Amino acid sequence: MACVIRVKARFSPLGGGWILLHALSLGLVLFCLWLLLSGFFVTLLLGLGVVSVAFVAWIAHRMDVIDLEGHPIHLTIRVLFYWPWLIVEIIKANIDVARAIVRRRMPINPSVIEVKATQETELGQVIYGNSITLTPGTVTIDIDNDIMIVHALTRNAAENLESGDMDRRVTALEAHSSAEDLPPPLPPGGQSK
């Protein structure tokens, strides 16, 4: 009986089907990465790659590190629309920073601003904070509940963040996920009532 409770406690927070789906998608991502990095398509090496990926996915499963936030497959479709927008924003910010550097009178106006984050989950806040940091001219210094402390190199970068466009897009990315379909996590101790 103790073994059954331990197994339930380890796998039930996402539900059995979700854990399997996350483990399989992790294996697929790892295998694609392995193919991309190795570049060899010999049968023996492909077989060794499959075995290696299966072993790593099994270890990740046994270590209980496959979870909703660590491998957010529920965001897959929405993130495909978010990334192109983010790449365009990164390019625009690169141009803005390059202009500031090339001009004789560097029109930089470094400032530290507070930006409200409207995301409901830690994953959403992490995506938002990382998106800010990926954008040249801005760095997320700290996240405190729903407030992000951001260093902005130029006034334009600060105004872009204060406009809230990136925040709205990350919130939409998070809100349209299927995370609400997940079963609730088990209480401490791992036994359901």
C-alpha atoms as a PDB file:
ATOM      1  CA  MET A   1       0.000   0.000   0.000  1.00  0.00           C
ATOM      2  CA  ALA A   2       2.831   2.406   0.809  1.00  0.00           C
ATOM      3  CA  CYS A   3       4.285   1.895  -2.657  1.00  0.00           C
ATOM      4  CA  VAL A   4       0.961   2.787  -4.287  1.00  0.00           C
ATOM      5  CA  ILE A   5       0.672   5.980  -2.238  1.00  0.00           C
ATOM      6  CA  ARG A   6       4.230   6.948  -3.181  1.00  0.00           C
ATOM      7  CA  VAL A   7       3.532   6.395  -6.865  1.00  0.00           C
ATOM      8  CA  LYS A   8       0.314   8.406  -6.648  1.00  0.00           C
ATOM      9  CA  ALA A   9       2.098  11.251  -4.884  1.00  0.00           C
ATOM     10  CA  ARG A  10       4.775  11.346  -7.522  1.00  0.00           C
ATOM     11  CA  PHE A  11       2.655  11.227 -10.654  1.00  0.00           C
ATOM     12  CA  SER A  12      -0.793  12.536  -9.792  1.00  0.00           C
ATOM     13  CA  PRO A  13      -0.219  16.317  -9.702  1.00  0.00           C
ATOM     14  CA  LEU A  14      -0.468  16.359 -13.487  1.00  0.00           C
ATOM     15  CA  GLY A  15      -2.505  13.219 -13.907  1.00  0.00           C
ATOM     16  CA  GLY A  16      -1.210  10.033 -15.543  1.00  0.00           C
ATOM     17  CA  GLY A  17      -2.064  11.084 -19.096  1.00  0.00           C
ATOM     18  CA  TRP A  18      -0.416  14.472 -18.737  1.00  0.00           C
ATOM     19  CA  ILE A  19       2.780  12.969 -17.336  1.00  0.00           C
ATOM     20  CA  LEU A  20       2.964  10.540 -20.256  1.00  0.00           C
ATOM     21  CA  LEU A  21       2.284  13.325 -22.759  1.00  0.00           C
ATOM     22  CA  HIS A  22       4.955  15.532 -21.180  1.00  0.00           C
ATOM     23  CA  ALA A  23       7.474  12.654 -21.097  1.00  0.00           C
ATOM     24  CA  LEU A  24       6.820  11.797 -24.754  1.00  0.00           C
ATOM     25  CA  SER A  25       7.063  15.419 -25.865  1.00  0.00           C
ATOM     26  CA  LEU A  26      10.277  15.824 -23.857  1.00  0.00           C
ATOM     27  CA  GLY A  27      11.663  12.754 -25.628  1.00  0.00           C
ATOM     28  CA  LEU A  28      10.641  14.144 -29.022  1.00  0.00           C
ATOM     29  CA  VAL A  29      12.243  17.524 -28.310  1.00  0.00           C
ATOM     30  CA  LEU A  30      15.428  15.867 -27.043  1.00  0.00           C
ATOM     31  CA  PHE A  31      15.614  13.584 -30.083  1.00  0.00           C
ATOM     32  CA  CYS A  32      15.134  16.505 -32.485  1.00  0.00           C
ATOM     33  CA  LEU A  33      17.856  18.411 -30.641  1.00  0.00           C
ATOM     34  CA  TRP A  34      20.097  15.346 -30.777  1.00  0.00           C
ATOM     35  CA  LEU A  35      19.526  15.032 -34.540  1.00  0.00           C
ATOM     36  CA  LEU A  36      20.208  18.715 -35.051  1.00  0.00           C
ATOM     37  CA  LEU A  37      23.443  18.638 -33.077  1.00  0.00           C
ATOM     38  CA  SER A  38      24.797  15.314 -34.341  1.00  0.00           C
ATOM     39  CA  GLY A  39      24.007  15.667 -38.034  1.00  0.00           C
ATOM     40  CA  PHE A  40      24.577  11.947 -38.625  1.00  0.00           C
ATOM     41  CA  PHE A  41      21.803   9.783 -40.016  1.00  0.00           C
ATOM     42  CA  VAL A  42      23.435   6.366 -39.791  1.00  0.00           C
ATOM     43  CA  THR A  43      21.147   3.618 -38.479  1.00  0.00           C
ATOM     44  CA  LEU A  44      23.441   2.722 -35.580  1.00  0.00           C
ATOM     45  CA  LEU A  45      23.750   6.331 -34.430  1.00  0.00           C
ATOM     46  CA  LEU A  46      20.008   6.931 -34.784  1.00  0.00           C
ATOM     47  CA  GLY A  47      19.385   3.849 -32.648  1.00  0.00           C
ATOM     48  CA  LEU A  48      21.867   5.022 -30.020  1.00  0.00           C
ATOM     49  CA  GLY A  49      20.177   8.434 -30.072  1.00  0.00           C
ATOM     50  CA  VAL A  50      16.769   6.869 -29.434  1.00  0.00           C
ATOM     51  CA  VAL A  51      18.198   4.823 -26.560  1.00  0.00           C
ATOM     52  CA  SER A  52      19.943   7.885 -25.083  1.00  0.00           C
ATOM     53  CA  VAL A  53      16.830  10.039 -25.325  1.00  0.00           C
ATOM     54  CA  ALA A  54      14.647   7.306 -23.822  1.00  0.00           C
ATOM     55  CA  PHE A  55      17.122   6.950 -20.945  1.00  0.00           C
ATOM     56  CA  VAL A  56      17.189  10.702 -20.260  1.00  0.00           C
ATOM     57  CA  ALA A  57      13.378  10.945 -20.429  1.00  0.00           C
ATOM     58  CA  TRP A  58      13.106   7.987 -18.045  1.00  0.00           C
ATOM     59  CA  ILE A  59      15.557   9.608 -15.608  1.00  0.00           C
ATOM     60  CA  ALA A  60      13.646  12.905 -15.796  1.00  0.00           C
ATOM     61  CA  HIS A  61      10.429  10.994 -15.132  1.00  0.00           C
ATOM     62  CA  ARG A  62      11.953   9.139 -12.157  1.00  0.00           C
ATOM     63  CA  MET A  63      13.391  12.368 -10.732  1.00  0.00           C
ATOM     64  CA  ASP A  64       9.935  13.937 -11.009  1.00  0.00           C
ATOM     65  CA  VAL A  65      11.217  16.936 -12.962  1.00  0.00           C
ATOM     66  CA  ILE A  66       8.690  16.656 -15.770  1.00  0.00           C
ATOM     67  CA  ASP A  67       6.013  19.145 -14.839  1.00  0.00           C
ATOM     68  CA  LEU A  68       3.742  21.773 -16.341  1.00  0.00           C
ATOM     69  CA  GLU A  69       6.120  24.703 -15.915  1.00  0.00           C
ATOM     70  CA  GLY A  70       9.359  22.877 -16.681  1.00  0.00           C
ATOM     71  CA  HIS A  71       8.097  21.610 -20.016  1.00  0.00           C
ATOM     72  CA  PRO A  72       5.018  23.701 -20.931  1.00  0.00           C
ATOM     73  CA  ILE A  73       3.627  21.805 -23.911  1.00  0.00           C
ATOM     74  CA  HIS A  74       0.235  23.396 -23.257  1.00  0.00           C
ATOM     75  CA  LEU A  75       1.693  26.659 -24.662  1.00  0.00           C
ATOM     76  CA  THR A  76       3.024  25.110 -27.877  1.00  0.00           C
ATOM     77  CA  ILE A  77       0.522  26.549 -30.370  1.00  0.00           C
ATOM     78  CA  ARG A  78       0.313  30.019 -28.805  1.00  0.00           C
ATOM     79  CA  VAL A  79       4.073  30.354 -28.460  1.00  0.00           C
ATOM     80  CA  LEU A  80       4.439  29.833 -32.223  1.00  0.00           C
ATOM     81  CA  PHE A  81       2.583  33.137 -32.668  1.00  0.00           C
ATOM     82  CA  TYR A  82       4.367  34.880 -29.782  1.00  0.00           C
ATOM     83  CA  TRP A  83       7.955  34.147 -30.896  1.00  0.00           C
ATOM     84  CA  PRO A  84       7.750  35.943 -34.277  1.00  0.00           C
ATOM     85  CA  TRP A  85       6.331  39.021 -32.557  1.00  0.00           C
ATOM     86  CA  LEU A  86       9.113  38.864 -29.936  1.00  0.00           C
ATOM     87  CA  ILE A  87      11.778  38.501 -32.640  1.00  0.00           C
ATOM     88  CA  VAL A  88      10.457  41.633 -34.378  1.00  0.00           C
ATOM     89  CA  GLU A  89      10.532  43.490 -31.038  1.00  0.00           C
ATOM     90  CA  ILE A  90      14.119  42.338 -30.444  1.00  0.00           C
ATOM     91  CA  ILE A  91      15.145  43.602 -33.903  1.00  0.00           C
ATOM     92  CA  LYS A  92      13.443  46.975 -33.324  1.00  0.00           C
ATOM     93  CA  ALA A  93      15.147  47.295 -29.924  1.00  0.00           C
ATOM     94  CA  ASN A  94      18.514  46.386 -31.506  1.00  0.00           C
ATOM     95  CA  ILE A  95      18.077  49.231 -33.981  1.00  0.00           C
ATOM     96  CA  ASP A  96      17.090  51.620 -31.177  1.00  0.00           C
ATOM     97  CA  VAL A  97      20.168  50.721 -29.103  1.00  0.00           C
ATOM     98  CA  ALA A  98      22.459  50.890 -32.164  1.00  0.00           C
ATOM     99  CA  ARG A  99      21.145  54.387 -32.978  1.00  0.00           C
ATOM    100  CA  ALA A 100      21.790  55.483 -29.400  1.00  0.00           C
ATOM    101  CA  ILE A 101      25.375  54.224 -29.609  1.00  0.00           C
ATOM    102  CA  VAL A 102      26.190  55.642 -33.069  1.00  0.00           C
ATOM    103  CA  ARG A 103      24.957  59.184 -32.420  1.00  0.00           C
ATOM    104  CA  ARG A 104      27.550  61.666 -31.229  1.00  0.00           C
ATOM    105  CA  ARG A 105      25.514  62.735 -28.260  1.00  0.00           C
ATOM    106  CA  MET A 106      24.453  59.376 -26.910  1.00  0.00           C
ATOM    107  CA  PRO A 107      20.768  59.974 -26.221  1.00  0.00           C
ATOM    108  CA  ILE A 108      20.680  57.402 -23.468  1.00  0.00           C
ATOM    109  CA  ASN A 109      18.576  58.030 -20.438  1.00  0.00           C
ATOM    110  CA  PRO A 110      19.110  55.044 -18.147  1.00  0.00           C
ATOM    111  CA  SER A 111      16.292  54.534 -15.713  1.00  0.00           C
ATOM    112  CA  VAL A 112      14.902  51.932 -13.379  1.00  0.00           C
ATOM    113  CA  ILE A 113      11.150  51.529 -13.720  1.00  0.00           C
ATOM    114  CA  GLU A 114       8.463  49.391 -12.152  1.00  0.00           C
ATOM    115  CA  VAL A 115       6.235  47.494 -14.547  1.00  0.00           C
ATOM    116  CA  LYS A 116       3.088  45.685 -13.454  1.00  0.00           C
ATOM    117  CA  ALA A 117       2.835  42.062 -14.566  1.00  0.00           C
ATOM    118  CA  THR A 118      -0.703  40.773 -15.088  1.00  0.00           C
ATOM    119  CA  GLN A 119       0.227  37.113 -15.515  1.00  0.00           C
ATOM    120  CA  GLU A 120      -1.466  34.647 -13.166  1.00  0.00           C
ATOM    121  CA  THR A 121       1.256  31.998 -12.966  1.00  0.00           C
ATOM    122  CA  GLU A 122       4.966  32.002 -12.231  1.00  0.00           C
ATOM    123  CA  LEU A 123       5.562  30.579 -15.704  1.00  0.00           C
ATOM    124  CA  GLY A 124       3.810  33.581 -17.271  1.00  0.00           C
ATOM    125  CA  GLN A 125       5.860  35.994 -15.168  1.00  0.00           C
ATOM    126  CA  VAL A 126       9.078  34.189 -16.091  1.00  0.00           C
ATOM    127  CA  ILE A 127       8.188  34.364 -19.793  1.00  0.00           C
ATOM    128  CA  TYR A 128       7.449  38.086 -19.413  1.00  0.00           C
ATOM    129  CA  GLY A 129      10.647  38.786 -17.456  1.00  0.00           C
ATOM    130  CA  ASN A 130      12.775  36.823 -19.917  1.00  0.00           C
ATOM    131  CA  SER A 131      11.120  38.561 -22.870  1.00  0.00           C
ATOM    132  CA  ILE A 132      12.022  41.929 -21.334  1.00  0.00           C
ATOM    133  CA  THR A 133      15.619  40.817 -20.783  1.00  0.00           C
ATOM    134  CA  LEU A 134      15.927  39.382 -24.309  1.00  0.00           C
ATOM    135  CA  THR A 135      14.941  42.759 -25.720  1.00  0.00           C
ATOM    136  CA  PRO A 136      18.125  44.880 -26.036  1.00  0.00           C
ATOM    137  CA  GLY A 137      18.163  47.965 -23.848  1.00  0.00           C
ATOM    138  CA  THR A 138      16.083  46.436 -21.060  1.00  0.00           C
ATOM    139  CA  VAL A 139      16.930  44.055 -18.239  1.00  0.00           C
ATOM    140  CA  THR A 140      14.572  42.622 -15.636  1.00  0.00           C
ATOM    141  CA  ILE A 141      16.327  43.169 -12.315  1.00  0.00           C
ATOM    142  CA  ASP A 142      13.756  41.713  -9.938  1.00  0.00           C
ATOM    143  CA  ILE A 143      10.282  40.219  -9.865  1.00  0.00           C
ATOM    144  CA  ASP A 144       8.327  40.896  -6.688  1.00  0.00           C
ATOM    145  CA  ASN A 145       4.834  39.378  -6.810  1.00  0.00           C
ATOM    146  CA  ASP A 146       3.265  41.211  -9.751  1.00  0.00           C
ATOM    147  CA  ILE A 147       5.798  44.060  -9.993  1.00  0.00           C
ATOM    148  CA  MET A 148       8.889  43.830 -12.182  1.00  0.00           C
ATOM    149  CA  ILE A 149      11.841  46.118 -11.610  1.00  0.00           C
ATOM    150  CA  VAL A 150      13.377  46.845 -15.012  1.00  0.00           C
ATOM    151  CA  HIS A 151      16.480  48.776 -16.055  1.00  0.00           C
ATOM    152  CA  ALA A 152      15.899  50.578 -19.350  1.00  0.00           C
ATOM    153  CA  LEU A 153      18.764  52.113 -21.326  1.00  0.00           C
ATOM    154  CA  THR A 154      16.684  54.628 -23.285  1.00  0.00           C
ATOM    155  CA  ARG A 155      13.450  56.491 -22.657  1.00  0.00           C
ATOM    156  CA  ASN A 156      11.964  54.801 -25.748  1.00  0.00           C
ATOM    157  CA  ALA A 157      12.631  51.347 -24.253  1.00  0.00           C
ATOM    158  CA  ALA A 158      10.976  52.395 -20.988  1.00  0.00           C
ATOM    159  CA  GLU A 159       7.950  53.817 -22.824  1.00  0.00           C
ATOM    160  CA  ASN A 160       7.551  50.628 -24.851  1.00  0.00           C
ATOM    161  CA  LEU A 161       7.391  48.604 -21.636  1.00  0.00           C
ATOM    162  CA  GLU A 162       5.070  51.050 -19.910  1.00  0.00           C
ATOM    163  CA  SER A 163       2.669  50.827 -22.867  1.00  0.00           C
ATOM    164  CA  GLY A 164       1.925  47.267 -21.717  1.00  0.00           C
ATOM    165  CA  ASP A 165       1.896  45.626 -25.153  1.00  0.00           C
ATOM    166  CA  MET A 166       4.372  42.890 -24.190  1.00  0.00           C
ATOM    167  CA  ASP A 167       2.531  42.286 -20.922  1.00  0.00           C
ATOM    168  CA  ARG A 168      -0.789  41.888 -22.754  1.00  0.00           C
ATOM    169  CA  ARG A 169       0.728  39.465 -25.258  1.00  0.00           C
ATOM    170  CA  VAL A 170       2.307  37.278 -22.567  1.00  0.00           C
ATOM    171  CA  THR A 171      -0.950  37.319 -20.591  1.00  0.00           C
ATOM    172  CA  ALA A 172      -2.823  36.250 -23.739  1.00  0.00           C
ATOM    173  CA  LEU A 173      -0.240  33.515 -24.320  1.00  0.00           C
ATOM    174  CA  GLU A 174      -0.812  32.253 -20.799  1.00  0.00           C
ATOM    175  CA  ALA A 175      -4.599  32.678 -20.760  1.00  0.00           C
ATOM    176  CA  HIS A 176      -5.278  30.678 -23.903  1.00  0.00           C
ATOM    177  CA  SER A 177      -3.457  27.601 -22.695  1.00  0.00           C
ATOM    178  CA  SER A 178      -5.174  24.407 -21.707  1.00  0.00           C
ATOM    179  CA  ALA A 179      -3.680  24.472 -18.215  1.00  0.00           C
ATOM    180  CA  GLU A 180      -7.139  24.816 -16.681  1.00  0.00           C
ATOM    181  CA  ASP A 181      -7.923  21.336 -17.971  1.00  0.00           C
ATOM    182  CA  LEU A 182      -5.338  19.808 -15.660  1.00  0.00           C
ATOM    183  CA  PRO A 183      -6.467  18.036 -12.527  1.00  0.00           C
ATOM    184  CA  PRO A 184      -5.756  19.917  -9.289  1.00  0.00           C
ATOM    185  CA  PRO A 185      -2.551  18.919  -7.484  1.00  0.00           C
ATOM    186  CA  LEU A 186      -2.782  16.524  -4.592  1.00  0.00           C
ATOM    187  CA  PRO A 187      -2.567  17.936  -1.070  1.00  0.00           C
ATOM    188  CA  PRO A 188       0.679  17.445   0.878  1.00  0.00           C
ATOM    189  CA  GLY A 189       1.095  13.766   1.624  1.00  0.00           C
ATOM    190  CA  GLY A 190      -0.095  12.764  -1.827  1.00  0.00           C
ATOM    191  CA  GLN A 191      -3.366  11.085  -0.885  1.00  0.00           C
ATOM    192  CA  SER A 192      -6.559  12.114  -2.584  1.00  0.00           C
ATOM    193  CA  LYS A 193      -9.745  12.141  -0.564  1.00  0.00           C
END
